[in-house]
Amino acid sequence: MKKAPAPAINGLQHIGLAVRNMDRCLVFYRKFLGLDIPFFDSIAPAPLMRVYTRNEVITKRASMIMNLTGGCAMEVIRPTSFEPSLPSFVVQAGDVGIFMVQVKCPDVRAAHAFCQQHAPDSTSLLSDDPVGSPSFILRDPDGNCFQFVRGNGWFTKPRMHSGGLRGAVVGVTDIERSFGLYRDMLGYNKVVYDREGVFADWASLPGGDQRYRRVLLTQSKPPGGGFARVTGNTTIELVQALDRQPVRIFKGRIWGDSGFVHIGLDVKGMDALGGSLARSGFPFRCDSREVLDMGNTRVHCTYIDDPDGVLIEMIEVYKVPIVEKWGIYLDVEKRDPTRPLPDFMLKALRFSRIKD
C-alpha cells in the first residue's frame, strides 16, 4: 500500500483572475506579462464553487498560463453562463481582497519603456517601492493592476522585459490576525519589509495618498514541488488601511465576476493538511473530495477563506501536461511530489508557446 505523502504547502502556484473578454486579455498578458505558455484552456461547469456563487453552478472558460522565464502562473477565467460585472464602486488600495499582483522583471526601466510605448494610458510613472527599487503599475483591459518590481531567480534567460508573477497584494482588516494564516499556516513566514506610511509607488492608485501598513512575506524555506524551479521565490503582501475602513472588493458580487478571484497554492498530502488547517480555524469551505479530471490534467482542489473571506485554493497535482501534443506529462503519482522536475522537461514547455 502506497504511503500517503506528508502534508506540505510548496508555495504559490497561480493567481486566479476573472475577466470580461478572455481572448483580448490573453493577448494582453502574452504581450505585457510574457504569460505565453498554456497548460489548459477549456470550458466546464464549476460545481465546486457553489459556496461562492450563491449556490448556483456556473459555467466558465479557464486558461492556465505561465511565463517560462520564472514566476508563478495565472488562471484566467471568463464565465460563460453569465456576464461578469465590475465593482459598483472605485476599488482603493487596501480594500479587502486581492487588489493587485506583482510582476518580477529583469529590468524594470526597460519594462516601463515598453509599456509606455505600447500602453501609455495604462502605465503609471516610475517610482520607488518600499525597498528603494524602481517600480510602476500597469492596468489590464478590465482595470486590474499589475505592479512591475525588480526580480531575480530566473529559470531561463529573460527573453523580454517581463518575468512571471511574483505574488499577490492582499487587503486585510487586521494584519496581526492575518498572520495566523499566511505566516503561521501557509509558510510565508519571512518578513521582507514591514512599513507604515504613504507610499510613492502607490501614488497612481485610488487611495494612494492615504496611510497603510504593508508587510511583504516570503517563504523561509525554498519552495518545493514539480514546478519549483520555474516559480522560484514568491511573495504575499498584506496591506491594512490606516485612515479608513476598507471595503470588500467582491461586495455584492460572486466568484467569476471581474477581478482577482483567488490565490492558488501547490500542496501535497491534502487530507492531512485539511485536518491541520481545520484545527487552526481554517476548514475547507469546499472540497472536490476526489481527483478532478480536466482533459489530461488531474488534480484535487479545495478552498479555504482567510480571516476576511479572501479565497485561497489548495491544489494537489496528480497529472499535468508538459507538452501535450507529444504526450509528455507530469505524473506525480509515480514520483516524489516534492522533487522539482528535471530542467529538460520544464524547458520542453517552450514548444507549447503561443506566438501572436
Protein backbone atom coordinates (compact mmCIF):
# COMPACT_ATOMS: atom_id res chain seq x y z
CA MET A 1 0.00 0.00 0.00
CA LYS A 2 1.40 3.37 -1.05
CA LYS A 3 2.23 5.65 1.88
CA ALA A 4 0.35 8.97 1.89
CA PRO A 5 2.68 11.96 1.47
CA ALA A 6 3.39 14.13 4.49
CA PRO A 7 1.35 17.36 4.36
CA ALA A 8 3.17 20.39 3.00
CA ILE A 9 2.48 23.68 1.23
CA ASN A 10 5.03 24.01 -1.55
CA GLY A 11 4.23 27.62 -2.39
CA LEU A 12 2.26 29.88 -4.68
CA GLN A 13 1.20 28.02 -7.82
CA HIS A 14 -1.05 30.57 -9.52
CA ILE A 15 -3.31 33.59 -9.06
CA GLY A 16 -6.89 33.44 -10.35
CA LEU A 17 -8.22 36.37 -12.40
CA ALA A 18 -11.69 36.66 -13.90
CA VAL A 19 -12.07 38.87 -16.96
CA ARG A 20 -14.81 40.08 -19.29
CA ASN A 21 -13.10 39.49 -22.66
CA MET A 22 -10.96 36.36 -22.50
CA ASP A 23 -9.30 36.45 -25.91
CA ARG A 24 -8.41 40.14 -25.67
CA CYS A 25 -6.94 39.69 -22.19
CA LEU A 26 -4.91 36.60 -23.11
CA VAL A 27 -3.24 38.57 -25.91
CA PHE A 28 -2.57 41.42 -23.45
CA TYR A 29 -0.99 39.06 -20.90
CA ARG A 30 1.23 37.48 -23.53
CA LYS A 31 2.42 40.85 -24.78
CA PHE A 32 2.98 42.65 -21.48
CA LEU A 33 3.50 39.85 -18.93
CA GLY A 34 5.04 37.16 -21.12
CA LEU A 35 2.40 34.64 -19.99
CA ASP A 36 2.50 32.65 -23.22
CA ILE A 37 2.81 29.02 -22.05
CA PRO A 38 -0.68 27.46 -21.72
CA PHE A 39 -1.35 24.36 -19.62
CA PHE A 40 -5.04 24.07 -20.45
CA ASP A 41 -7.86 26.11 -21.96
CA SER A 42 -11.28 24.57 -21.50
CA ILE A 43 -14.94 25.27 -20.83
CA ALA A 44 -16.63 23.38 -17.99
CA PRO A 45 -19.17 23.79 -15.19
CA ALA A 46 -17.81 24.73 -11.76
CA PRO A 47 -19.95 22.84 -9.22
CA LEU A 48 -17.19 23.05 -6.61
CA MET A 49 -17.61 26.83 -6.45
CA ARG A 50 -21.30 26.87 -5.48
CA VAL A 51 -20.47 28.12 -1.99
CA TYR A 52 -19.03 31.23 -3.70
CA THR A 53 -21.66 31.55 -6.46
CA ARG A 54 -24.88 31.78 -4.41
CA ASN A 55 -25.36 28.00 -4.62
CA GLU A 56 -25.69 28.09 -8.40
CA VAL A 57 -23.49 26.02 -10.70
CA ILE A 58 -21.87 28.41 -13.15
CA THR A 59 -20.03 27.50 -16.34
CA LYS A 60 -16.72 29.13 -17.18
CA ARG A 61 -13.82 29.05 -19.57
CA ALA A 62 -10.46 28.77 -17.81
CA SER A 63 -6.93 29.04 -19.15
CA MET A 64 -3.79 28.41 -17.05
CA ILE A 65 -0.81 30.36 -18.41
CA MET A 66 2.82 30.82 -17.35
CA ASN A 67 5.99 32.74 -18.23
CA LEU A 68 8.80 30.19 -18.54
CA THR A 69 11.39 32.82 -17.56
CA GLY A 70 10.21 32.43 -13.98
CA GLY A 71 7.35 33.17 -11.61
CA CYS A 72 4.05 31.53 -10.80
CA ALA A 73 1.17 31.01 -13.23
CA MET A 74 -2.14 32.81 -13.69
CA GLU A 75 -5.51 31.14 -14.18
CA VAL A 76 -7.63 33.39 -16.37
CA ILE A 77 -11.38 32.79 -16.02
CA ARG A 78 -14.32 34.00 -18.09
CA PRO A 79 -17.84 32.91 -17.07
CA THR A 80 -19.90 31.60 -19.99
CA SER A 81 -23.21 31.25 -18.13
CA PHE A 82 -23.44 34.92 -17.11
CA GLU A 83 -21.90 38.31 -17.90
CA PRO A 84 -19.23 39.16 -15.31
CA SER A 85 -19.63 42.52 -13.60
CA LEU A 86 -17.14 45.11 -12.42
CA PRO A 87 -17.30 46.52 -8.88
CA SER A 88 -20.02 49.14 -8.43
CA PHE A 89 -17.52 51.42 -6.67
CA VAL A 90 -13.95 52.55 -7.21
CA VAL A 91 -11.62 49.98 -5.63
CA GLN A 92 -8.97 51.67 -3.49
CA ALA A 93 -5.60 50.41 -2.35
CA GLY A 94 -6.09 48.31 0.76
CA ASP A 95 -9.68 47.30 0.04
CA VAL A 96 -10.34 43.77 1.25
CA GLY A 97 -9.24 41.16 -1.25
CA ILE A 98 -6.55 40.77 -3.87
CA PHE A 99 -6.32 44.26 -5.34
CA MET A 100 -3.01 43.94 -7.18
CA VAL A 101 -0.49 41.37 -8.42
CA GLN A 102 3.27 41.87 -8.62
CA VAL A 103 5.27 41.00 -11.73
CA LYS A 104 9.01 40.42 -11.44
CA CYS A 105 11.30 41.97 -14.04
CA PRO A 106 14.96 41.63 -15.00
CA ASP A 107 14.97 45.35 -15.86
CA VAL A 108 12.09 47.46 -14.55
CA ARG A 109 13.12 50.55 -16.52
CA ALA A 110 13.13 48.59 -19.79
CA ALA A 111 9.73 47.13 -18.92
CA HIS A 112 8.42 50.61 -18.20
CA ALA A 113 9.69 51.94 -21.53
CA PHE A 114 7.97 49.06 -23.36
CA CYS A 115 4.65 49.59 -21.55
CA GLN A 116 4.81 53.36 -22.03
CA GLN A 117 5.32 52.83 -25.75
CA HIS A 118 2.55 50.26 -26.24
CA ALA A 119 0.02 51.15 -23.50
CA PRO A 120 0.77 54.73 -22.35
CA ASP A 121 -2.71 55.36 -20.91
CA SER A 122 -2.48 52.21 -18.76
CA THR A 123 1.05 52.75 -17.41
CA SER A 124 1.95 54.79 -14.32
CA LEU A 125 5.13 56.79 -13.79
CA LEU A 126 8.20 55.10 -12.35
CA SER A 127 8.56 55.40 -8.57
CA ASP A 128 10.46 53.61 -5.82
CA ASP A 129 8.89 50.72 -3.92
CA PRO A 130 9.41 50.30 -0.13
CA VAL A 131 12.89 48.82 -0.60
CA GLY A 132 14.00 51.69 -2.85
CA SER A 133 13.83 49.86 -6.18
CA PRO A 134 12.06 51.31 -9.26
CA SER A 135 8.54 50.07 -9.93
CA PHE A 136 5.41 51.00 -11.86
CA ILE A 137 1.80 49.88 -12.27
CA LEU A 138 0.13 48.62 -15.44
CA ARG A 139 -3.65 48.20 -15.80
CA ASP A 140 -5.14 45.46 -17.97
CA PRO A 141 -8.25 45.96 -20.19
CA ASP A 142 -10.53 45.46 -17.16
CA GLY A 143 -8.53 47.86 -14.99
CA ASN A 144 -6.83 45.16 -12.90
CA CYS A 145 -3.48 46.35 -11.52
CA PHE A 146 -0.10 44.71 -12.03
CA GLN A 147 2.91 46.19 -10.24
CA PHE A 148 6.23 45.60 -12.01
CA VAL A 149 9.06 45.14 -9.50
CA ARG A 150 12.68 44.05 -9.62
CA GLY A 151 13.05 40.27 -9.68
CA ASN A 152 15.68 37.58 -9.56
CA GLY A 153 15.96 33.80 -9.66
CA TRP A 154 15.27 33.23 -13.37
CA PHE A 155 14.68 29.71 -14.68
CA THR A 156 15.57 30.60 -18.28
CA LYS A 157 17.41 33.63 -19.61
CA PRO A 158 14.93 36.53 -19.78
CA ARG A 159 13.93 36.96 -23.41
CA MET A 160 11.75 40.02 -22.89
CA HIS A 161 11.16 42.85 -20.44
CA SER A 162 8.90 40.88 -18.09
CA GLY A 163 9.20 37.77 -16.00
CA GLY A 164 6.24 35.96 -14.47
CA LEU A 165 4.13 36.74 -11.42
CA ARG A 166 5.96 37.19 -8.12
CA GLY A 167 2.93 37.33 -5.84
CA ALA A 168 -0.35 38.83 -4.67
CA VAL A 169 -1.10 42.06 -2.80
CA VAL A 170 -3.96 41.38 -0.37
CA GLY A 171 -6.00 43.94 1.53
CA VAL A 172 -6.93 42.80 5.05
CA THR A 173 -8.64 44.40 8.02
CA ASP A 174 -6.08 43.30 10.63
CA ILE A 175 -2.58 42.21 9.63
CA GLU A 176 -1.83 40.67 13.02
CA ARG A 177 -4.88 38.44 12.73
CA SER A 178 -4.00 37.54 9.12
CA PHE A 179 -0.53 36.39 10.23
CA GLY A 180 -2.28 33.40 11.83
CA LEU A 181 -2.95 32.01 8.37
CA TYR A 182 -0.44 33.43 5.90
CA ARG A 183 2.61 33.34 8.16
CA ASP A 184 1.86 30.54 10.60
CA MET A 185 -0.06 28.06 8.42
CA LEU A 186 0.84 28.76 4.79
CA GLY A 187 4.59 29.08 5.35
CA TYR A 188 5.05 32.71 4.25
CA ASN A 189 6.97 33.31 7.44
CA LYS A 190 9.86 35.54 6.37
CA VAL A 191 9.29 39.30 6.57
CA VAL A 192 10.94 41.20 3.71
CA TYR A 193 9.64 44.54 4.98
CA ASP A 194 7.07 45.90 7.43
CA ARG A 195 6.40 49.60 6.78
CA GLU A 196 3.76 52.20 7.61
CA GLY A 197 3.07 55.47 5.84
CA VAL A 198 2.13 56.96 2.48
CA PHE A 199 3.96 55.20 -0.36
CA ALA A 200 5.26 56.76 -3.57
CA ASP A 201 4.81 53.57 -5.63
CA TRP A 202 1.05 53.68 -5.00
CA ALA A 203 0.54 57.34 -5.95
CA SER A 204 -1.37 56.35 -9.12
CA LEU A 205 -3.84 54.11 -7.23
CA PRO A 206 -7.16 55.38 -5.85
CA GLY A 207 -6.49 55.94 -2.16
CA GLY A 208 -2.76 56.04 -2.83
CA ASP A 209 -2.43 59.27 -0.86
CA GLN A 210 -3.56 57.56 2.35
CA ARG A 211 -1.57 55.74 5.05
CA TYR A 212 -1.13 51.98 5.02
CA ARG A 213 0.75 49.26 6.79
CA ARG A 214 2.44 46.99 4.26
CA VAL A 215 4.08 43.67 5.16
CA LEU A 216 5.78 41.70 2.40
CA LEU A 217 6.08 37.99 3.22
CA THR A 218 8.01 35.21 1.54
CA GLN A 219 8.95 31.64 2.45
CA SER A 220 11.99 30.99 4.62
CA LYS A 221 12.38 27.56 3.01
CA PRO A 222 12.94 27.06 -0.73
CA PRO A 223 9.67 26.20 -2.49
CA GLY A 224 9.06 22.55 -3.38
CA GLY A 225 7.03 20.70 -5.99
CA GLY A 226 7.50 19.83 -9.65
CA PHE A 227 7.49 23.43 -10.91
CA ALA A 228 9.56 24.96 -8.09
CA ARG A 229 12.47 25.68 -10.43
CA VAL A 230 10.19 27.89 -12.54
CA THR A 231 8.03 29.53 -9.87
CA GLY A 232 11.00 30.34 -7.62
CA ASN A 233 10.52 32.51 -4.56
CA THR A 234 7.06 34.04 -4.38
CA THR A 235 5.52 36.65 -2.10
CA ILE A 236 2.29 37.67 -0.43
CA GLU A 237 1.98 41.31 0.60
CA LEU A 238 -0.56 42.04 3.34
CA VAL A 239 -1.95 45.58 3.39
CA GLN A 240 -4.00 47.28 6.09
CA ALA A 241 -5.63 50.68 5.51
CA LEU A 242 -4.92 53.01 8.45
CA ASP A 243 -7.02 56.05 7.51
CA ARG A 244 -10.35 54.41 6.65
CA GLN A 245 -12.46 51.27 6.89
CA PRO A 246 -11.71 49.22 3.75
CA VAL A 247 -14.49 47.85 1.55
CA ARG A 248 -14.70 44.23 0.42
CA ILE A 249 -13.77 44.21 -3.30
CA PHE A 250 -16.30 41.48 -4.14
CA LYS A 251 -19.12 43.03 -2.09
CA GLY A 252 -22.41 42.15 -3.83
CA ARG A 253 -20.62 40.04 -6.46
CA ILE A 254 -19.64 36.39 -6.88
CA TRP A 255 -16.61 34.30 -7.85
CA GLY A 256 -16.25 34.74 -11.61
CA ASP A 257 -17.09 38.43 -11.64
CA SER A 258 -14.23 40.61 -12.88
CA GLY A 259 -11.15 40.83 -10.66
CA PHE A 260 -8.55 38.73 -8.87
CA VAL A 261 -10.66 35.88 -7.52
CA HIS A 262 -8.26 33.65 -5.57
CA ILE A 263 -4.72 32.68 -4.61
CA GLY A 264 -3.71 29.14 -5.64
CA LEU A 265 -1.18 27.13 -3.59
CA ASP A 266 0.57 23.92 -4.63
CA VAL A 267 0.27 21.36 -1.81
CA LYS A 268 0.83 17.70 -1.03
CA GLY A 269 -0.92 15.45 1.49
CA MET A 270 -4.28 17.20 1.10
CA ASP A 271 -6.22 15.10 3.62
CA ALA A 272 -3.73 15.56 6.45
CA LEU A 273 -3.30 19.21 5.54
CA GLY A 274 -7.07 19.70 5.77
CA GLY A 275 -7.10 18.39 9.32
CA SER A 276 -4.28 20.72 10.36
CA LEU A 277 -6.00 23.76 8.82
CA ALA A 278 -9.34 22.88 10.41
CA ARG A 279 -7.77 22.59 13.86
CA SER A 280 -6.35 26.10 13.36
CA GLY A 281 -9.73 27.55 12.42
CA PHE A 282 -9.44 27.41 8.61
CA PRO A 283 -11.54 24.43 7.46
CA PHE A 284 -12.11 23.59 3.81
CA ARG A 285 -15.12 25.56 2.60
CA CYS A 286 -15.42 23.31 -0.43
CA ASP A 287 -13.61 20.16 -1.43
CA SER A 288 -13.68 18.18 -4.67
CA ARG A 289 -13.22 15.10 -2.37
CA GLU A 290 -11.87 13.22 -5.34
CA VAL A 291 -9.47 13.80 -8.20
CA LEU A 292 -10.83 16.14 -10.86
CA ASP A 293 -10.16 15.18 -14.47
CA MET A 294 -9.77 18.19 -16.79
CA GLY A 295 -8.73 16.56 -20.04
CA ASN A 296 -5.20 15.34 -19.36
CA THR A 297 -4.92 17.32 -16.11
CA ARG A 298 -5.79 15.54 -12.85
CA VAL A 299 -5.90 17.44 -9.56
CA HIS A 300 -7.52 17.52 -6.13
CA CYS A 301 -8.84 21.00 -5.26
CA THR A 302 -10.07 22.56 -2.02
CA TYR A 303 -10.76 26.11 -0.87
CA ILE A 304 -10.37 27.93 2.42
CA ASP A 305 -11.11 31.53 3.42
CA ASP A 306 -8.63 33.85 5.03
CA PRO A 307 -9.86 35.78 8.13
CA ASP A 308 -11.50 38.37 5.83
CA GLY A 309 -13.07 35.88 3.42
CA VAL A 310 -10.41 36.07 0.70
CA LEU A 311 -10.37 32.80 -1.26
CA ILE A 312 -7.34 30.54 -1.16
CA GLU A 313 -7.27 27.44 -3.34
CA MET A 314 -5.23 24.35 -2.43
CA ILE A 315 -4.21 22.20 -5.39
CA GLU A 316 -2.65 18.75 -5.18
CA VAL A 317 -1.50 17.88 -8.69
CA TYR A 318 -1.50 14.27 -9.88
CA LYS A 319 -1.05 14.69 -13.61
CA VAL A 320 -0.49 17.75 -15.79
CA PRO A 321 0.56 18.07 -19.46
CA ILE A 322 4.07 19.32 -20.17
CA VAL A 323 3.94 19.09 -23.97
CA GLU A 324 0.52 17.58 -24.65
CA LYS A 325 0.98 17.17 -28.40
CA TRP A 326 4.00 14.96 -27.73
CA GLY A 327 2.34 13.02 -24.93
CA ILE A 328 4.70 14.35 -22.25
CA TYR A 329 3.03 14.62 -18.84
CA LEU A 330 3.97 15.14 -15.21
CA ASP A 331 2.61 12.10 -13.35
CA VAL A 332 3.15 12.91 -9.67
CA GLU A 333 1.73 9.60 -8.52
CA LYS A 334 4.81 7.90 -9.97
CA ARG A 335 7.41 10.27 -8.47
CA ASP A 336 8.33 12.20 -5.34
CA PRO A 337 5.87 15.15 -5.38
CA THR A 338 8.34 17.41 -3.58
CA ARG A 339 11.18 16.95 -6.09
CA PRO A 340 11.44 19.53 -8.90
CA LEU A 341 11.03 18.28 -12.44
CA PRO A 342 14.22 17.91 -14.50
CA ASP A 343 15.19 21.10 -16.30
CA PHE A 344 14.99 19.44 -19.74
CA MET A 345 11.34 18.55 -19.12
CA LEU A 346 10.42 22.02 -17.91
CA LYS A 347 12.24 23.65 -20.81
CA ALA A 348 10.24 21.47 -23.20
CA LEU A 349 7.26 23.67 -22.29
CA ARG A 350 8.63 26.24 -24.74
CA PHE A 351 7.32 24.10 -27.59
CA SER A 352 3.75 24.88 -26.49
CA ARG A 353 4.37 28.66 -26.50
CA ILE A 354 1.70 30.78 -28.21
CA LYS A 355 3.08 33.44 -30.54
CA ASP A 356 0.98 36.37 -31.72
